[in-house]
Amino acid sequence: MLRRVGAESQAGPRVGLGERRMVAQSYSLAPWPRLSVVIPTLNEARNLPHVFGALPSSIYEIIVVDGHSVDDTLAVVRELRPDARIVMQTRSGKGNALACGCAAATGDIIAMIDADGSTDAGEIPDFVSALLDGADFAKGTRFAKGGGSEDITRLRGLGNRILTGLVNLLYSTKYTDLCYGFNVFWQKHLSVLGFNATAISSSDKSECTWGDGFEIETLINIRIAAAGLAIAEVPSFERSRIHGVSNLSAYSDGIRVVRTILYERFIVPRRRQRFPARRLIRVNGAPSHGQQTLSANHGRPGLLRRFERGQAVQHSEEDPTSGPGVDPAPGAPRRNVIS
């Protein structure tokens, strides 16, 4: 059974089932999938020591995507993690940072975490375990049993519930958390997200390019649902930002989220697409879409058995940048991957 162990105690960092599984796998002959961790940064020099310290040991690569920080962020990265790859953003905003980081990732699995210390990197193994148990995409949730938040305000919490309900209504999903950025997924599904890291931003710097802002989390959740991927919600605990002030605006970013939901559902031409049955896998209390509930001891798919037999990970030959752009032109065709 996949579980989320509580926040780490003062005695030391917690060791969950996923972490023990990664350690055990390192001593076996079966290959553990290569894990790329993407961390967007913008003036996060004081927070990075905590974030790096919480990362699991079995990581293939760390990709720090910087938004042209004016503090010592890059110097701290080079000092603490000289093995990390530094990628500079092509535009601005969190969405563009994730697009740039994912385009640079070469691992079998991509994990997205925040650089402010709000997401617990020590939970990554639990997300990876969900993938090995059959999920295509593992998304964090603060509102399922085992999850929580010490950062979300009452207003943001209410807005998140309303927006989550709207997406569930329009896309026949059963999400419990729409606006949370802790995501881990198989790299072969990257094209489903439709990231575009290479497009040049307009000369108007007053507003982010569509999909480059905080609405990226909603955009991701909508597109993986529309593509019919098997989605696991993994309980996660969100902490308050350690240092600095968040750039999130409840009002303006909330408007962009609403625009995302309506644009993706009604404006983007999906008239020929039948929305496939959603497969939301229950992980320790998170809701299921009613099709299947997977655990470590029951219903384990062939993918995990192949790992246990030591067969190599299958790599996707798809170009991760060939999917639909984050800023699509109205009427542009969409490519959806159906599992």
C-alpha atoms as a PDB file:
ATOM      1  CA  MET A   1       0.000   0.000   0.000  1.00  0.00           C
ATOM      2  CA  LEU A   2       1.333   3.402  -0.916  1.00  0.00           C
ATOM      3  CA  ARG A   3       1.398   5.698   2.048  1.00  0.00           C
ATOM      4  CA  ARG A   4       2.371   9.184   2.865  1.00  0.00           C
ATOM      5  CA  VAL A   5       4.223   9.301   6.155  1.00  0.00           C
ATOM      6  CA  GLY A   6       3.766  12.486   8.177  1.00  0.00           C
ATOM      7  CA  ALA A   7       6.021  15.498   8.035  1.00  0.00           C
ATOM      8  CA  GLU A   8       9.577  14.825   9.059  1.00  0.00           C
ATOM      9  CA  SER A   9      10.239  14.916  12.765  1.00  0.00           C
ATOM     10  CA  GLN A  10      12.911  16.799  14.639  1.00  0.00           C
ATOM     11  CA  ALA A  11      14.861  13.576  14.957  1.00  0.00           C
ATOM     12  CA  GLY A  12      15.623  13.575  11.263  1.00  0.00           C
ATOM     13  CA  PRO A  13      14.038  13.250   7.823  1.00  0.00           C
ATOM     14  CA  ARG A  14      11.241  10.799   7.381  1.00  0.00           C
ATOM     15  CA  VAL A  15      11.749   7.614   5.403  1.00  0.00           C
ATOM     16  CA  GLY A  16       8.577   6.549   3.637  1.00  0.00           C
ATOM     17  CA  LEU A  17       7.692   3.419   1.719  1.00  0.00           C
ATOM     18  CA  GLY A  18       8.768   5.011  -1.541  1.00  0.00           C
ATOM     19  CA  GLU A  19      12.184   5.956  -0.157  1.00  0.00           C
ATOM     20  CA  ARG A  20      12.732   2.439   1.237  1.00  0.00           C
ATOM     21  CA  ARG A  21      11.700   1.061  -2.133  1.00  0.00           C
ATOM     22  CA  MET A  22      14.275   3.230  -3.915  1.00  0.00           C
ATOM     23  CA  VAL A  23      16.997   2.161  -1.507  1.00  0.00           C
ATOM     24  CA  ALA A  24      16.079  -1.512  -1.888  1.00  0.00           C
ATOM     25  CA  GLN A  25      16.029  -1.153  -5.656  1.00  0.00           C
ATOM     26  CA  SER A  26      19.554   0.276  -5.635  1.00  0.00           C
ATOM     27  CA  TYR A  27      20.822  -3.032  -4.218  1.00  0.00           C
ATOM     28  CA  SER A  28      18.964  -5.173  -6.759  1.00  0.00           C
ATOM     29  CA  LEU A  29      19.817  -6.026 -10.331  1.00  0.00           C
ATOM     30  CA  ALA A  30      16.622  -4.488 -11.664  1.00  0.00           C
ATOM     31  CA  PRO A  31      17.154  -0.985 -13.073  1.00  0.00           C
ATOM     32  CA  TRP A  32      15.537   1.905 -11.229  1.00  0.00           C
ATOM     33  CA  PRO A  33      14.127   4.446 -13.679  1.00  0.00           C
ATOM     34  CA  ARG A  34      16.299   7.511 -14.143  1.00  0.00           C
ATOM     35  CA  LEU A  35      14.762  10.436 -12.280  1.00  0.00           C
ATOM     36  CA  SER A  36      15.116  14.063 -13.417  1.00  0.00           C
ATOM     37  CA  VAL A  37      14.107  16.725 -10.883  1.00  0.00           C
ATOM     38  CA  VAL A  38      13.140  20.115 -12.320  1.00  0.00           C
ATOM     39  CA  ILE A  39      13.378  23.075  -9.932  1.00  0.00           C
ATOM     40  CA  PRO A  40      12.350  26.563 -11.146  1.00  0.00           C
ATOM     41  CA  THR A  41      14.155  29.364  -9.297  1.00  0.00           C
ATOM     42  CA  LEU A  42      13.870  33.121  -9.030  1.00  0.00           C
ATOM     43  CA  ASN A  43      15.897  34.672  -6.212  1.00  0.00           C
ATOM     44  CA  GLU A  44      15.775  31.529  -4.054  1.00  0.00           C
ATOM     45  CA  ALA A  45      19.358  31.521  -2.740  1.00  0.00           C
ATOM     46  CA  ARG A  46      18.308  31.222   0.913  1.00  0.00           C
ATOM     47  CA  ASN A  47      15.805  28.434   0.265  1.00  0.00           C
ATOM     48  CA  LEU A  48      17.928  26.151  -1.913  1.00  0.00           C
ATOM     49  CA  PRO A  49      20.020  24.622   0.913  1.00  0.00           C
ATOM     50  CA  HIS A  50      16.829  23.225   2.438  1.00  0.00           C
ATOM     51  CA  VAL A  51      15.456  22.026  -0.912  1.00  0.00           C
ATOM     52  CA  PHE A  52      18.689  20.308  -1.929  1.00  0.00           C
ATOM     53  CA  GLY A  53      19.039  18.735   1.496  1.00  0.00           C
ATOM     54  CA  ALA A  54      15.631  17.083   1.228  1.00  0.00           C
ATOM     55  CA  LEU A  55      16.246  15.482  -2.166  1.00  0.00           C
ATOM     56  CA  PRO A  56      16.465  11.669  -2.227  1.00  0.00           C
ATOM     57  CA  SER A  57      19.857  10.216  -3.016  1.00  0.00           C
ATOM     58  CA  SER A  58      18.776   8.123  -6.017  1.00  0.00           C
ATOM     59  CA  ILE A  59      18.414  10.976  -8.513  1.00  0.00           C
ATOM     60  CA  TYR A  60      19.732  10.847 -12.058  1.00  0.00           C
ATOM     61  CA  GLU A  61      19.872  14.590 -12.660  1.00  0.00           C
ATOM     62  CA  ILE A  62      18.882  17.910 -11.100  1.00  0.00           C
ATOM     63  CA  ILE A  63      17.809  20.671 -13.482  1.00  0.00           C
ATOM     64  CA  VAL A  64      17.638  24.172 -12.016  1.00  0.00           C
ATOM     65  CA  VAL A  65      15.736  26.542 -14.296  1.00  0.00           C
ATOM     66  CA  ASP A  66      16.532  30.125 -13.367  1.00  0.00           C
ATOM     67  CA  GLY A  67      14.471  33.192 -14.229  1.00  0.00           C
ATOM     68  CA  HIS A  68      17.515  35.494 -14.232  1.00  0.00           C
ATOM     69  CA  SER A  69      17.830  35.829 -10.474  1.00  0.00           C
ATOM     70  CA  VAL A  70      19.546  38.910  -9.081  1.00  0.00           C
ATOM     71  CA  ASP A  71      20.639  37.274  -5.823  1.00  0.00           C
ATOM     72  CA  ASP A  72      23.161  34.447  -5.296  1.00  0.00           C
ATOM     73  CA  THR A  73      20.869  31.675  -6.524  1.00  0.00           C
ATOM     74  CA  LEU A  74      23.219  30.401  -9.215  1.00  0.00           C
ATOM     75  CA  ALA A  75      26.264  30.637  -6.949  1.00  0.00           C
ATOM     76  CA  VAL A  76      24.456  28.573  -4.297  1.00  0.00           C
ATOM     77  CA  VAL A  77      23.517  25.965  -6.904  1.00  0.00           C
ATOM     78  CA  ARG A  78      27.119  25.648  -8.074  1.00  0.00           C
ATOM     79  CA  GLU A  79      28.397  25.442  -4.516  1.00  0.00           C
ATOM     80  CA  LEU A  80      25.895  22.939  -3.097  1.00  0.00           C
ATOM     81  CA  ARG A  81      25.132  20.866  -6.204  1.00  0.00           C
ATOM     82  CA  PRO A  82      27.924  21.243  -8.764  1.00  0.00           C
ATOM     83  CA  ASP A  83      26.391  18.278 -10.590  1.00  0.00           C
ATOM     84  CA  ALA A  84      23.153  20.192 -11.234  1.00  0.00           C
ATOM     85  CA  ARG A  85      22.397  21.432 -14.724  1.00  0.00           C
ATOM     86  CA  ILE A  86      21.496  25.127 -14.914  1.00  0.00           C
ATOM     87  CA  VAL A  87      19.044  26.198 -17.609  1.00  0.00           C
ATOM     88  CA  MET A  88      18.042  29.815 -18.165  1.00  0.00           C
ATOM     89  CA  GLN A  89      14.424  30.609 -18.978  1.00  0.00           C
ATOM     90  CA  THR A  90      13.532  31.692 -22.499  1.00  0.00           C
ATOM     91  CA  ARG A  91      10.625  33.815 -21.250  1.00  0.00           C
ATOM     92  CA  SER A  92       9.285  34.596 -17.786  1.00  0.00           C
ATOM     93  CA  GLY A  93       6.909  32.848 -15.396  1.00  0.00           C
ATOM     94  CA  LYS A  94       6.714  29.485 -13.677  1.00  0.00           C
ATOM     95  CA  GLY A  95       5.086  27.790 -16.653  1.00  0.00           C
ATOM     96  CA  ASN A  96       7.938  28.730 -18.959  1.00  0.00           C
ATOM     97  CA  ALA A  97      10.454  27.567 -16.354  1.00  0.00           C
ATOM     98  CA  LEU A  98       8.811  24.142 -16.226  1.00  0.00           C
ATOM     99  CA  ALA A  99       8.693  23.981 -20.018  1.00  0.00           C
ATOM    100  CA  CYS A 100      12.411  24.758 -20.270  1.00  0.00           C
ATOM    101  CA  GLY A 101      13.324  22.276 -17.539  1.00  0.00           C
ATOM    102  CA  CYS A 102      11.254  19.441 -18.962  1.00  0.00           C
ATOM    103  CA  ALA A 103      12.677  20.045 -22.446  1.00  0.00           C
ATOM    104  CA  ALA A 104      16.168  19.632 -20.991  1.00  0.00           C
ATOM    105  CA  ALA A 105      15.357  16.532 -18.923  1.00  0.00           C
ATOM    106  CA  THR A 106      16.825  13.222 -20.105  1.00  0.00           C
ATOM    107  CA  GLY A 107      15.522  10.896 -17.391  1.00  0.00           C
ATOM    108  CA  ASP A 108      12.751   8.321 -17.639  1.00  0.00           C
ATOM    109  CA  ILE A 109      10.732  10.156 -14.987  1.00  0.00           C
ATOM    110  CA  ILE A 110      10.384  13.915 -14.465  1.00  0.00           C
ATOM    111  CA  ALA A 111       9.592  15.421 -11.064  1.00  0.00           C
ATOM    112  CA  MET A 112       8.528  19.052 -10.621  1.00  0.00           C
ATOM    113  CA  ILE A 113       9.093  20.695  -7.248  1.00  0.00           C
ATOM    114  CA  ASP A 114       9.241  24.274  -5.995  1.00  0.00           C
ATOM    115  CA  ALA A 115      12.402  26.036  -4.862  1.00  0.00           C
ATOM    116  CA  ASP A 116      10.826  27.872  -1.924  1.00  0.00           C
ATOM    117  CA  GLY A 117      10.686  24.813   0.331  1.00  0.00           C
ATOM    118  CA  SER A 118       6.891  24.468   0.171  1.00  0.00           C
ATOM    119  CA  THR A 119       6.972  21.085  -1.555  1.00  0.00           C
ATOM    120  CA  ASP A 120       8.708  18.293   0.336  1.00  0.00           C
ATOM    121  CA  ALA A 121      11.292  16.711  -1.959  1.00  0.00           C
ATOM    122  CA  GLY A 122      11.414  13.790   0.436  1.00  0.00           C
ATOM    123  CA  GLU A 123       7.985  12.750  -0.867  1.00  0.00           C
ATOM    124  CA  ILE A 124       9.277  12.155  -4.402  1.00  0.00           C
ATOM    125  CA  PRO A 125       9.772   8.384  -3.862  1.00  0.00           C
ATOM    126  CA  ASP A 126       6.069   8.038  -3.005  1.00  0.00           C
ATOM    127  CA  PHE A 127       5.198   9.607  -6.358  1.00  0.00           C
ATOM    128  CA  VAL A 128       7.660   7.349  -8.183  1.00  0.00           C
ATOM    129  CA  SER A 129       6.124   4.306  -6.505  1.00  0.00           C
ATOM    130  CA  ALA A 130       2.716   5.382  -7.808  1.00  0.00           C
ATOM    131  CA  LEU A 131       4.159   5.409 -11.338  1.00  0.00           C
ATOM    132  CA  LEU A 132       5.701   1.965 -10.896  1.00  0.00           C
ATOM    133  CA  ASP A 133       2.334   0.724  -9.690  1.00  0.00           C
ATOM    134  CA  GLY A 134       0.741   1.662 -13.008  1.00  0.00           C
ATOM    135  CA  ALA A 135       0.082   5.397 -13.101  1.00  0.00           C
ATOM    136  CA  ASP A 136       1.136   7.519 -16.056  1.00  0.00           C
ATOM    137  CA  PHE A 137       1.090  10.712 -14.019  1.00  0.00           C
ATOM    138  CA  ALA A 138       1.292  11.249 -10.236  1.00  0.00           C
ATOM    139  CA  LYS A 139      -0.014  14.582  -8.949  1.00  0.00           C
ATOM    140  CA  GLY A 140       0.130  15.824  -5.402  1.00  0.00           C
ATOM    141  CA  THR A 141      -2.971  16.667  -3.416  1.00  0.00           C
ATOM    142  CA  ARG A 142      -3.208  18.635  -0.197  1.00  0.00           C
ATOM    143  CA  PHE A 143      -6.846  17.754   0.382  1.00  0.00           C
ATOM    144  CA  ALA A 144      -6.850  13.958   0.530  1.00  0.00           C
ATOM    145  CA  LYS A 145      -6.251  11.928   3.667  1.00  0.00           C
ATOM    146  CA  GLY A 146      -2.567  12.207   4.541  1.00  0.00           C
ATOM    147  CA  GLY A 147      -2.114  15.571   2.820  1.00  0.00           C
ATOM    148  CA  GLY A 148      -2.335  19.092   4.160  1.00  0.00           C
ATOM    149  CA  SER A 149      -1.051  22.642   3.992  1.00  0.00           C
ATOM    150  CA  GLU A 150       0.256  25.234   6.399  1.00  0.00           C
ATOM    151  CA  ASP A 151       0.511  27.829   3.635  1.00  0.00           C
ATOM    152  CA  ILE A 152      -2.814  28.053   1.820  1.00  0.00           C
ATOM    153  CA  THR A 153      -5.077  30.899   2.923  1.00  0.00           C
ATOM    154  CA  ARG A 154      -8.815  30.605   3.442  1.00  0.00           C
ATOM    155  CA  LEU A 155      -9.465  32.598   0.268  1.00  0.00           C
ATOM    156  CA  ARG A 156      -7.095  30.502  -1.841  1.00  0.00           C
ATOM    157  CA  GLY A 157      -8.510  27.309  -0.369  1.00  0.00           C
ATOM    158  CA  LEU A 158     -12.054  28.345  -1.269  1.00  0.00           C
ATOM    159  CA  GLY A 159     -10.990  29.349  -4.762  1.00  0.00           C
ATOM    160  CA  ASN A 160      -9.167  26.053  -5.256  1.00  0.00           C
ATOM    161  CA  ARG A 161     -12.250  24.063  -4.245  1.00  0.00           C
ATOM    162  CA  ILE A 162     -14.469  26.027  -6.628  1.00  0.00           C
ATOM    163  CA  LEU A 163     -12.042  25.697  -9.527  1.00  0.00           C
ATOM    164  CA  THR A 164     -11.459  22.003  -8.816  1.00  0.00           C
ATOM    165  CA  GLY A 165     -15.210  21.421  -8.854  1.00  0.00           C
ATOM    166  CA  LEU A 166     -15.514  23.255 -12.172  1.00  0.00           C
ATOM    167  CA  VAL A 167     -12.827  21.089 -13.787  1.00  0.00           C
ATOM    168  CA  ASN A 168     -14.394  17.925 -12.366  1.00  0.00           C
ATOM    169  CA  LEU A 169     -17.720  18.971 -13.872  1.00  0.00           C
ATOM    170  CA  LEU A 170     -16.356  19.852 -17.302  1.00  0.00           C
ATOM    171  CA  TYR A 171     -13.854  17.009 -17.660  1.00  0.00           C
ATOM    172  CA  SER A 172     -15.543  14.213 -15.656  1.00  0.00           C
ATOM    173  CA  THR A 173     -12.548  14.027 -13.337  1.00  0.00           C
ATOM    174  CA  LYS A 174     -12.528  13.517  -9.574  1.00  0.00           C
ATOM    175  CA  TYR A 175      -9.600  15.694  -8.606  1.00  0.00           C
ATOM    176  CA  THR A 176      -9.287  16.843  -5.023  1.00  0.00           C
ATOM    177  CA  ASP A 177      -6.638  19.501  -5.703  1.00  0.00           C
ATOM    178  CA  LEU A 178      -6.265  21.470  -8.927  1.00  0.00           C
ATOM    179  CA  CYS A 179      -3.738  24.195  -8.131  1.00  0.00           C
ATOM    180  CA  TYR A 180      -0.791  22.333  -6.638  1.00  0.00           C
ATOM    181  CA  GLY A 181       2.485  22.048  -8.495  1.00  0.00           C
ATOM    182  CA  PHE A 182       4.004  18.822  -7.149  1.00  0.00           C
ATOM    183  CA  ASN A 183       3.931  16.514 -10.178  1.00  0.00           C
ATOM    184  CA  VAL A 184       5.890  13.407 -11.185  1.00  0.00           C
ATOM    185  CA  PHE A 185       5.342  11.623 -14.493  1.00  0.00           C
ATOM    186  CA  TRP A 186       6.861   9.399 -17.142  1.00  0.00           C
ATOM    187  CA  GLN A 187       8.894  11.452 -19.611  1.00  0.00           C
ATOM    188  CA  LYS A 188       7.287   9.632 -22.546  1.00  0.00           C
ATOM    189  CA  HIS A 189       4.047  11.513 -21.794  1.00  0.00           C
ATOM    190  CA  LEU A 190       5.673  14.948 -21.951  1.00  0.00           C
ATOM    191  CA  SER A 191       4.175  15.737 -25.354  1.00  0.00           C
ATOM    192  CA  VAL A 192       0.690  15.525 -23.818  1.00  0.00           C
ATOM    193  CA  LEU A 193       1.449  18.654 -21.780  1.00  0.00           C
ATOM    194  CA  GLY A 194       2.053  20.693 -24.915  1.00  0.00           C
ATOM    195  CA  PHE A 195       4.974  22.678 -23.507  1.00  0.00           C
ATOM    196  CA  ASN A 196       6.699  25.150 -25.797  1.00  0.00           C
ATOM    197  CA  ALA A 197      10.040  26.296 -24.417  1.00  0.00           C
ATOM    198  CA  THR A 198      11.382  27.884 -27.590  1.00  0.00           C
ATOM    199  CA  ALA A 199       8.736  30.423 -28.611  1.00  0.00           C
ATOM    200  CA  ILE A 200       9.913  34.011 -28.290  1.00  0.00           C
ATOM    201  CA  SER A 201       7.827  36.234 -26.033  1.00  0.00           C
ATOM    202  CA  SER A 202       6.295  39.418 -27.369  1.00  0.00           C
ATOM    203  CA  SER A 203       7.787  42.821 -26.670  1.00  0.00           C
ATOM    204  CA  ASP A 204       4.996  43.488 -24.182  1.00  0.00           C
ATOM    205  CA  LYS A 205       6.419  42.391 -20.842  1.00  0.00           C
ATOM    206  CA  SER A 206       3.340  43.400 -18.848  1.00  0.00           C
ATOM    207  CA  GLU A 207       1.739  39.959 -19.101  1.00  0.00           C
ATOM    208  CA  CYS A 208       3.056  36.425 -19.328  1.00  0.00           C
ATOM    209  CA  THR A 209       2.560  34.408 -22.485  1.00  0.00           C
ATOM    210  CA  TRP A 210      -0.456  32.121 -22.232  1.00  0.00           C
ATOM    211  CA  GLY A 211       0.515  29.150 -20.076  1.00  0.00           C
ATOM    212  CA  ASP A 212       3.687  30.731 -18.680  1.00  0.00           C
ATOM    213  CA  GLY A 213       2.138  31.838 -15.382  1.00  0.00           C
ATOM    214  CA  PHE A 214       0.815  30.017 -12.322  1.00  0.00           C
ATOM    215  CA  GLU A 215      -2.087  28.688 -14.392  1.00  0.00           C
ATOM    216  CA  ILE A 216       0.368  26.072 -15.647  1.00  0.00           C
ATOM    217  CA  GLU A 217      -0.688  23.669 -12.888  1.00  0.00           C
ATOM    218  CA  THR A 218      -4.308  23.816 -14.020  1.00  0.00           C
ATOM    219  CA  LEU A 219      -3.271  23.487 -17.665  1.00  0.00           C
ATOM    220  CA  ILE A 220      -1.285  20.352 -16.878  1.00  0.00           C
ATOM    221  CA  ASN A 221      -4.147  18.724 -14.974  1.00  0.00           C
ATOM    222  CA  ILE A 222      -6.626  19.491 -17.742  1.00  0.00           C
ATOM    223  CA  ARG A 223      -4.445  18.147 -20.532  1.00  0.00           C
ATOM    224  CA  ILE A 224      -3.536  14.888 -18.802  1.00  0.00           C
ATOM    225  CA  ALA A 225      -7.228  14.301 -18.122  1.00  0.00           C
ATOM    226  CA  ALA A 226      -8.192  15.109 -21.721  1.00  0.00           C
ATOM    227  CA  ALA A 227      -5.539  12.670 -22.924  1.00  0.00           C
ATOM    228  CA  GLY A 228      -6.962   9.863 -20.793  1.00  0.00           C
ATOM    229  CA  LEU A 229      -3.785   9.172 -18.826  1.00  0.00           C
ATOM    230  CA  ALA A 230      -3.898   7.019 -15.705  1.00  0.00           C
ATOM    231  CA  ILE A 231      -3.570   9.615 -12.935  1.00  0.00           C
ATOM    232  CA  ALA A 232      -2.616   8.964  -9.325  1.00  0.00           C
ATOM    233  CA  GLU A 233      -3.275  11.571  -6.656  1.00  0.00           C
ATOM    234  CA  VAL A 234      -0.611  11.291  -3.963  1.00  0.00           C
ATOM    235  CA  PRO A 235      -1.245  12.942  -0.577  1.00  0.00           C
ATOM    236  CA  SER A 236       1.301  15.694   0.016  1.00  0.00           C
ATOM    237  CA  PHE A 237       1.913  18.233   2.772  1.00  0.00           C
ATOM    238  CA  GLU A 238       2.615  21.803   1.689  1.00  0.00           C
ATOM    239  CA  ARG A 239       4.793  23.923   3.935  1.00  0.00           C
ATOM    240  CA  SER A 240       5.024  27.673   4.085  1.00  0.00           C
ATOM    241  CA  ARG A 241       7.681  29.396   2.013  1.00  0.00           C
ATOM    242  CA  ILE A 242      10.860  29.484   4.090  1.00  0.00           C
ATOM    243  CA  HIS A 243      12.259  32.823   2.924  1.00  0.00           C
ATOM    244  CA  GLY A 244      10.971  35.565   0.658  1.00  0.00           C
ATOM    245  CA  VAL A 245       7.526  36.462  -0.628  1.00  0.00           C
ATOM    246  CA  SER A 246       5.450  34.512  -3.147  1.00  0.00           C
ATOM    247  CA  ASN A 247       4.683  36.067  -6.529  1.00  0.00           C
ATOM    248  CA  LEU A 248       1.245  34.404  -6.580  1.00  0.00           C
ATOM    249  CA  SER A 249      -1.756  36.752  -6.789  1.00  0.00           C
ATOM    250  CA  ALA A 250      -5.016  35.128  -5.715  1.00  0.00           C
ATOM    251  CA  TYR A 251      -7.098  37.424  -7.923  1.00  0.00           C
ATOM    252  CA  SER A 252      -5.105  37.874 -11.140  1.00  0.00           C
ATOM    253  CA  ASP A 253      -3.790  34.314 -11.201  1.00  0.00           C
ATOM    254  CA  GLY A 254      -7.277  33.043 -10.350  1.00  0.00           C
ATOM    255  CA  ILE A 255      -8.619  34.837 -13.431  1.00  0.00           C
ATOM    256  CA  ARG A 256      -5.935  33.193 -15.562  1.00  0.00           C
ATOM    257  CA  VAL A 257      -6.914  29.792 -14.146  1.00  0.00           C
ATOM    258  CA  VAL A 258     -10.574  30.345 -15.032  1.00  0.00           C
ATOM    259  CA  ARG A 259      -9.538  31.433 -18.503  1.00  0.00           C
ATOM    260  CA  THR A 260      -7.442  28.282 -18.825  1.00  0.00           C
ATOM    261  CA  ILE A 261     -10.330  26.020 -17.857  1.00  0.00           C
ATOM    262  CA  LEU A 262     -12.809  27.616 -20.257  1.00  0.00           C
ATOM    263  CA  TYR A 263     -10.353  28.050 -23.125  1.00  0.00           C
ATOM    264  CA  GLU A 264      -9.160  24.445 -23.033  1.00  0.00           C
ATOM    265  CA  ARG A 265     -12.701  23.096 -22.810  1.00  0.00           C
ATOM    266  CA  PHE A 266     -14.640  25.276 -25.214  1.00  0.00           C
ATOM    267  CA  ILE A 267     -12.269  27.268 -27.425  1.00  0.00           C
ATOM    268  CA  VAL A 268      -9.617  24.715 -28.301  1.00  0.00           C
ATOM    269  CA  PRO A 269     -11.106  22.531 -31.048  1.00  0.00           C
ATOM    270  CA  ARG A 270     -11.705  19.103 -29.533  1.00  0.00           C
ATOM    271  CA  ARG A 271     -14.986  18.457 -31.357  1.00  0.00           C
ATOM    272  CA  ARG A 272     -13.727  15.199 -32.837  1.00  0.00           C
ATOM    273  CA  GLN A 273     -12.359  13.977 -29.538  1.00  0.00           C
ATOM    274  CA  ARG A 274     -14.346  11.734 -27.276  1.00  0.00           C
ATOM    275  CA  PHE A 275     -13.154  12.324 -23.777  1.00  0.00           C
ATOM    276  CA  PRO A 276     -11.832   8.939 -22.675  1.00  0.00           C
ATOM    277  CA  ALA A 277     -12.738   7.331 -19.405  1.00  0.00           C
ATOM    278  CA  ARG A 278     -10.619   8.819 -16.641  1.00  0.00           C
ATOM    279  CA  ARG A 279      -8.443   6.543 -14.575  1.00  0.00           C
ATOM    280  CA  LEU A 280      -7.619   8.156 -11.240  1.00  0.00           C
ATOM    281  CA  ILE A 281      -5.745   5.736  -9.025  1.00  0.00           C
ATOM    282  CA  ARG A 282      -6.375   5.865  -5.313  1.00  0.00           C
ATOM    283  CA  VAL A 283      -3.251   6.355  -3.217  1.00  0.00           C
ATOM    284  CA  ASN A 284      -3.809   6.190   0.549  1.00  0.00           C
ATOM    285  CA  GLY A 285      -7.155   7.893   0.772  1.00  0.00           C
ATOM    286  CA  ALA A 286      -7.212   9.880  -2.478  1.00  0.00           C
ATOM    287  CA  PRO A 287     -10.416   9.278  -4.482  1.00  0.00           C
ATOM    288  CA  SER A 288     -10.667   6.869  -7.372  1.00  0.00           C
ATOM    289  CA  HIS A 289     -12.484   7.266 -10.658  1.00  0.00           C
ATOM    290  CA  GLY A 290     -14.027   3.899 -10.000  1.00  0.00           C
ATOM    291  CA  GLN A 291     -12.046   1.837 -12.483  1.00  0.00           C
ATOM    292  CA  GLN A 292      -9.136   0.563 -10.440  1.00  0.00           C
ATOM    293  CA  THR A 293      -7.263   0.960  -7.190  1.00  0.00           C
ATOM    294  CA  LEU A 294      -3.658  -0.147  -7.229  1.00  0.00           C
ATOM    295  CA  SER A 295      -1.403  -0.905  -4.292  1.00  0.00           C
ATOM    296  CA  ALA A 296       2.007  -2.459  -3.814  1.00  0.00           C
ATOM    297  CA  ASN A 297       0.431  -5.849  -3.084  1.00  0.00           C
ATOM    298  CA  HIS A 298      -2.573  -5.957  -5.384  1.00  0.00           C
ATOM    299  CA  GLY A 299      -3.291  -5.183  -8.995  1.00  0.00           C
ATOM    300  CA  ARG A 300       0.340  -4.537  -9.901  1.00  0.00           C
ATOM    301  CA  PRO A 301       0.610  -4.056 -13.662  1.00  0.00           C
ATOM    302  CA  GLY A 302       3.124  -5.580 -16.012  1.00  0.00           C
ATOM    303  CA  LEU A 303       5.291  -2.451 -15.933  1.00  0.00           C
ATOM    304  CA  LEU A 304       6.335  -2.987 -12.322  1.00  0.00           C
ATOM    305  CA  ARG A 305       6.832  -6.698 -12.890  1.00  0.00           C
ATOM    306  CA  ARG A 306       9.153  -5.879 -15.783  1.00  0.00           C
ATOM    307  CA  PHE A 307      11.210  -3.710 -13.494  1.00  0.00           C
ATOM    308  CA  GLU A 308      11.374  -6.513 -10.954  1.00  0.00           C
ATOM    309  CA  ARG A 309      12.615  -8.913 -13.643  1.00  0.00           C
ATOM    310  CA  GLY A 310      15.366  -6.463 -14.487  1.00  0.00           C
ATOM    311  CA  GLN A 311      14.287  -5.540 -17.984  1.00  0.00           C
ATOM    312  CA  ALA A 312      15.402  -2.194 -19.333  1.00  0.00           C
ATOM    313  CA  VAL A 313      13.204   0.874 -19.238  1.00  0.00           C
ATOM    314  CA  GLN A 314      11.569   1.606 -22.546  1.00  0.00           C
ATOM    315  CA  HIS A 315      12.425   5.082 -23.792  1.00  0.00           C
ATOM    316  CA  SER A 316      10.043   7.169 -25.820  1.00  0.00           C
ATOM    317  CA  GLU A 317      11.182   8.212 -29.261  1.00  0.00           C
ATOM    318  CA  GLU A 318       8.739  11.104 -29.328  1.00  0.00           C
ATOM    319  CA  ASP A 319      10.101  14.621 -29.545  1.00  0.00           C
ATOM    320  CA  PRO A 320       9.009  16.223 -26.229  1.00  0.00           C
ATOM    321  CA  THR A 321       8.694  19.574 -27.916  1.00  0.00           C
ATOM    322  CA  SER A 322       6.543  18.339 -30.784  1.00  0.00           C
ATOM    323  CA  GLY A 323       3.229  18.500 -28.947  1.00  0.00           C
ATOM    324  CA  PRO A 324       0.742  21.330 -29.065  1.00  0.00           C
ATOM    325  CA  GLY A 325       2.160  24.640 -27.888  1.00  0.00           C
ATOM    326  CA  VAL A 326       1.322  26.159 -24.538  1.00  0.00           C
ATOM    327  CA  ASP A 327       0.178  29.256 -26.381  1.00  0.00           C
ATOM    328  CA  PRO A 328      -1.881  27.708 -29.200  1.00  0.00           C
ATOM    329  CA  ALA A 329      -3.426  29.763 -31.922  1.00  0.00           C
ATOM    330  CA  PRO A 330      -7.210  29.431 -32.124  1.00  0.00           C
ATOM    331  CA  GLY A 331      -8.081  26.744 -34.616  1.00  0.00           C
ATOM    332  CA  ALA A 332      -4.733  25.009 -34.409  1.00  0.00           C
ATOM    333  CA  PRO A 333      -4.980  21.198 -34.416  1.00  0.00           C
ATOM    334  CA  ARG A 334      -4.334  19.323 -31.180  1.00  0.00           C
ATOM    335  CA  ARG A 335      -2.618  15.977 -30.753  1.00  0.00           C
ATOM    336  CA  ASN A 336      -3.867  13.942 -27.839  1.00  0.00           C
ATOM    337  CA  VAL A 337      -2.225  10.778 -26.600  1.00  0.00           C
ATOM    338  CA  ILE A 338      -4.679   8.133 -25.488  1.00  0.00           C
ATOM    339  CA  SER A 339      -3.318   5.392 -23.268  1.00  0.00           C
END
